[in-house]
Amino acid sequence: SEQGCELEIRLDEQMMVLFCPPAPSEDPAAEQEVAGEPEPEQLLQIPDSVRIASVFAQRNERISQGQTSVWITTQGIMEPLMINLSDGTQEFGLIASPFIPEITILDQPVQPSTGEG
């Protein structure tokens, strides 16, 4: 999308959805036709055996229920994001760099640095 996309992480529903609104039209008549339609969305599949344990986003606050979202610009830059996944026996941490597509995968849960020490 020319406006960027929003990644919505729904912990209660154990799903991630990517919303990419269509680019604005220069034709006002076409704009009215699209106004009532939902934004294009893409469900990002997570295996049934894996659950989203927690997320750190928006001011590095830990979220383990409800939902949160991060914005991804058209240049591929996103807000800092950490996601902890669990398969019931092992936990994994994903750290998304602000510069997509760099993602670090660790074999342990992650959390933001407090800057101490």
C-alpha atoms as a PDB file:
ATOM      1  CA  SER A   1       0.000   0.000   0.000  1.00  0.00           C
ATOM      2  CA  GLU A   2       1.155   3.553  -0.674  1.00  0.00           C
ATOM      3  CA  GLN A   3       0.107   4.515   2.869  1.00  0.00           C
ATOM      4  CA  GLY A   4       1.855   1.692   4.710  1.00  0.00           C
ATOM      5  CA  CYS A   5       0.350  -1.204   6.627  1.00  0.00           C
ATOM      6  CA  GLU A   6      -0.721  -2.022  10.162  1.00  0.00           C
ATOM      7  CA  LEU A   7       0.157  -5.344  11.774  1.00  0.00           C
ATOM      8  CA  GLU A   8      -2.459  -6.186  14.383  1.00  0.00           C
ATOM      9  CA  ILE A   9      -1.557  -8.872  16.936  1.00  0.00           C
ATOM     10  CA  ARG A  10      -4.599 -10.374  18.681  1.00  0.00           C
ATOM     11  CA  LEU A  11      -3.385 -12.390  21.646  1.00  0.00           C
ATOM     12  CA  ASP A  12      -6.820 -13.557  22.834  1.00  0.00           C
ATOM     13  CA  GLU A  13      -7.577 -14.936  19.365  1.00  0.00           C
ATOM     14  CA  GLN A  14      -3.969 -16.082  18.768  1.00  0.00           C
ATOM     15  CA  MET A  15      -3.748 -14.442  15.349  1.00  0.00           C
ATOM     16  CA  MET A  16      -1.903 -11.734  13.467  1.00  0.00           C
ATOM     17  CA  VAL A  17      -3.602  -9.706  10.760  1.00  0.00           C
ATOM     18  CA  LEU A  18      -1.943  -7.344   8.301  1.00  0.00           C
ATOM     19  CA  PHE A  19      -4.118  -4.414   7.148  1.00  0.00           C
ATOM     20  CA  CYS A  20      -2.967  -2.511   4.063  1.00  0.00           C
ATOM     21  CA  PRO A  21      -5.455   0.192   3.079  1.00  0.00           C
ATOM     22  CA  PRO A  22      -5.761   0.915  -0.632  1.00  0.00           C
ATOM     23  CA  ALA A  23      -4.030   3.999  -1.989  1.00  0.00           C
ATOM     24  CA  PRO A  24      -6.283   7.059  -2.080  1.00  0.00           C
ATOM     25  CA  SER A  25      -7.887   7.655  -5.446  1.00  0.00           C
ATOM     26  CA  GLU A  26      -7.656  10.963  -7.258  1.00  0.00           C
ATOM     27  CA  ASP A  27     -11.227  10.426  -8.452  1.00  0.00           C
ATOM     28  CA  PRO A  28     -13.754  11.489  -5.740  1.00  0.00           C
ATOM     29  CA  ALA A  29     -16.460   9.239  -7.268  1.00  0.00           C
ATOM     30  CA  ALA A  30     -14.215   6.181  -6.964  1.00  0.00           C
ATOM     31  CA  GLU A  31     -13.383   7.185  -3.384  1.00  0.00           C
ATOM     32  CA  GLN A  32     -17.101   7.053  -2.433  1.00  0.00           C
ATOM     33  CA  GLU A  33     -17.500   3.568  -3.925  1.00  0.00           C
ATOM     34  CA  VAL A  34     -14.662   2.196  -1.779  1.00  0.00           C
ATOM     35  CA  ALA A  35     -15.670   4.006   1.425  1.00  0.00           C
ATOM     36  CA  GLY A  36     -18.052   1.272   2.627  1.00  0.00           C
ATOM     37  CA  GLU A  37     -15.746  -1.634   1.805  1.00  0.00           C
ATOM     38  CA  PRO A  38     -13.482  -3.118   4.486  1.00  0.00           C
ATOM     39  CA  GLU A  39      -9.747  -2.576   4.226  1.00  0.00           C
ATOM     40  CA  PRO A  40      -7.824  -5.374   2.525  1.00  0.00           C
ATOM     41  CA  GLU A  41      -6.433  -7.679   5.174  1.00  0.00           C
ATOM     42  CA  GLN A  42      -4.213 -10.711   5.253  1.00  0.00           C
ATOM     43  CA  LEU A  43      -4.257 -13.313   8.023  1.00  0.00           C
ATOM     44  CA  LEU A  44      -0.736 -14.362   8.967  1.00  0.00           C
ATOM     45  CA  GLN A  45      -0.912 -18.074   9.765  1.00  0.00           C
ATOM     46  CA  ILE A  46       0.436 -19.386  13.066  1.00  0.00           C
ATOM     47  CA  PRO A  47       0.546 -23.176  13.515  1.00  0.00           C
ATOM     48  CA  ASP A  48      -2.080 -24.510  15.938  1.00  0.00           C
ATOM     49  CA  SER A  49       0.688 -25.949  18.131  1.00  0.00           C
ATOM     50  CA  VAL A  50       2.256 -22.500  18.649  1.00  0.00           C
ATOM     51  CA  ARG A  51       0.795 -19.708  20.747  1.00  0.00           C
ATOM     52  CA  ILE A  52       1.700 -16.041  21.102  1.00  0.00           C
ATOM     53  CA  ALA A  53       2.802 -15.810  24.751  1.00  0.00           C
ATOM     54  CA  SER A  54       3.514 -12.071  24.897  1.00  0.00           C
ATOM     55  CA  VAL A  55       4.375  -9.040  22.823  1.00  0.00           C
ATOM     56  CA  PHE A  56       6.436  -5.950  23.548  1.00  0.00           C
ATOM     57  CA  ALA A  57       5.412  -2.983  21.402  1.00  0.00           C
ATOM     58  CA  GLN A  58       4.413   0.650  21.833  1.00  0.00           C
ATOM     59  CA  ARG A  59       6.591   2.022  24.649  1.00  0.00           C
ATOM     60  CA  ASN A  60       7.987  -1.477  25.367  1.00  0.00           C
ATOM     61  CA  GLU A  61       4.947  -2.457  27.427  1.00  0.00           C
ATOM     62  CA  ARG A  62       4.415  -6.213  27.861  1.00  0.00           C
ATOM     63  CA  ILE A  63       1.098  -7.371  26.442  1.00  0.00           C
ATOM     64  CA  SER A  64      -0.107 -10.905  27.160  1.00  0.00           C
ATOM     65  CA  GLN A  65      -3.816 -10.452  26.440  1.00  0.00           C
ATOM     66  CA  GLY A  66      -5.978  -8.246  24.271  1.00  0.00           C
ATOM     67  CA  GLN A  67      -4.370  -6.801  21.166  1.00  0.00           C
ATOM     68  CA  THR A  68      -1.740  -4.383  19.968  1.00  0.00           C
ATOM     69  CA  SER A  69      -0.605  -3.131  16.601  1.00  0.00           C
ATOM     70  CA  VAL A  70       2.453  -1.691  14.912  1.00  0.00           C
ATOM     71  CA  TRP A  71       2.654   0.502  11.842  1.00  0.00           C
ATOM     72  CA  ILE A  72       4.879  -0.399   8.896  1.00  0.00           C
ATOM     73  CA  THR A  73       5.750   2.473   6.560  1.00  0.00           C
ATOM     74  CA  THR A  74       5.939   2.248   2.801  1.00  0.00           C
ATOM     75  CA  GLN A  75       9.739   2.392   3.156  1.00  0.00           C
ATOM     76  CA  GLY A  76       9.676  -0.832   5.216  1.00  0.00           C
ATOM     77  CA  ILE A  77      10.352   0.785   8.584  1.00  0.00           C
ATOM     78  CA  MET A  78       8.310  -0.377  11.562  1.00  0.00           C
ATOM     79  CA  GLU A  79       8.020   0.364  15.236  1.00  0.00           C
ATOM     80  CA  PRO A  80      10.207  -1.881  17.457  1.00  0.00           C
ATOM     81  CA  LEU A  81       8.484  -5.206  18.097  1.00  0.00           C
ATOM     82  CA  MET A  82       9.274  -8.303  20.156  1.00  0.00           C
ATOM     83  CA  ILE A  83       7.082 -11.408  20.085  1.00  0.00           C
ATOM     84  CA  ASN A  84       7.424 -14.410  22.411  1.00  0.00           C
ATOM     85  CA  LEU A  85       6.049 -17.689  21.043  1.00  0.00           C
ATOM     86  CA  SER A  86       5.564 -21.010  22.833  1.00  0.00           C
ATOM     87  CA  ASP A  87       4.814 -24.528  21.661  1.00  0.00           C
ATOM     88  CA  GLY A  88       4.092 -25.737  25.203  1.00  0.00           C
ATOM     89  CA  THR A  89       7.579 -27.128  25.776  1.00  0.00           C
ATOM     90  CA  GLN A  90       9.876 -24.410  24.459  1.00  0.00           C
ATOM     91  CA  GLU A  91       9.690 -20.634  24.096  1.00  0.00           C
ATOM     92  CA  PHE A  92      11.110 -18.579  21.252  1.00  0.00           C
ATOM     93  CA  GLY A  93      11.652 -14.849  20.935  1.00  0.00           C
ATOM     94  CA  LEU A  94      11.347 -12.854  17.717  1.00  0.00           C
ATOM     95  CA  ILE A  95      12.890  -9.398  17.563  1.00  0.00           C
ATOM     96  CA  ALA A  96      11.816  -7.366  14.542  1.00  0.00           C
ATOM     97  CA  SER A  97      14.270  -4.682  13.589  1.00  0.00           C
ATOM     98  CA  PRO A  98      12.802  -1.313  12.662  1.00  0.00           C
ATOM     99  CA  PHE A  99      14.319  -1.963   9.234  1.00  0.00           C
ATOM    100  CA  ILE A 100      12.385  -4.838   7.687  1.00  0.00           C
ATOM    101  CA  PRO A 101      13.125  -7.634   6.844  1.00  0.00           C
ATOM    102  CA  GLU A 102      15.698  -8.095   9.624  1.00  0.00           C
ATOM    103  CA  ILE A 103      14.236 -10.444  12.254  1.00  0.00           C
ATOM    104  CA  THR A 104      16.284 -12.090  14.987  1.00  0.00           C
ATOM    105  CA  ILE A 105      15.057 -15.454  16.310  1.00  0.00           C
ATOM    106  CA  LEU A 106      16.239 -16.613  19.731  1.00  0.00           C
ATOM    107  CA  ASP A 107      15.626 -19.918  21.529  1.00  0.00           C
ATOM    108  CA  GLN A 108      14.457 -18.074  24.644  1.00  0.00           C
ATOM    109  CA  PRO A 109      11.856 -15.439  25.553  1.00  0.00           C
ATOM    110  CA  VAL A 110      12.831 -11.807  24.958  1.00  0.00           C
ATOM    111  CA  GLN A 111      12.084  -8.516  26.657  1.00  0.00           C
ATOM    112  CA  PRO A 112      13.241  -4.929  26.117  1.00  0.00           C
ATOM    113  CA  SER A 113      16.457  -3.794  27.718  1.00  0.00           C
ATOM    114  CA  THR A 114      15.941  -1.504  30.702  1.00  0.00           C
ATOM    115  CA  GLY A 115      19.180   0.350  29.944  1.00  0.00           C
ATOM    116  CA  GLU A 116      20.525  -0.516  33.409  1.00  0.00           C
ATOM    117  CA  GLY A 117      23.751  -2.401  34.105  1.00  0.00           C
END
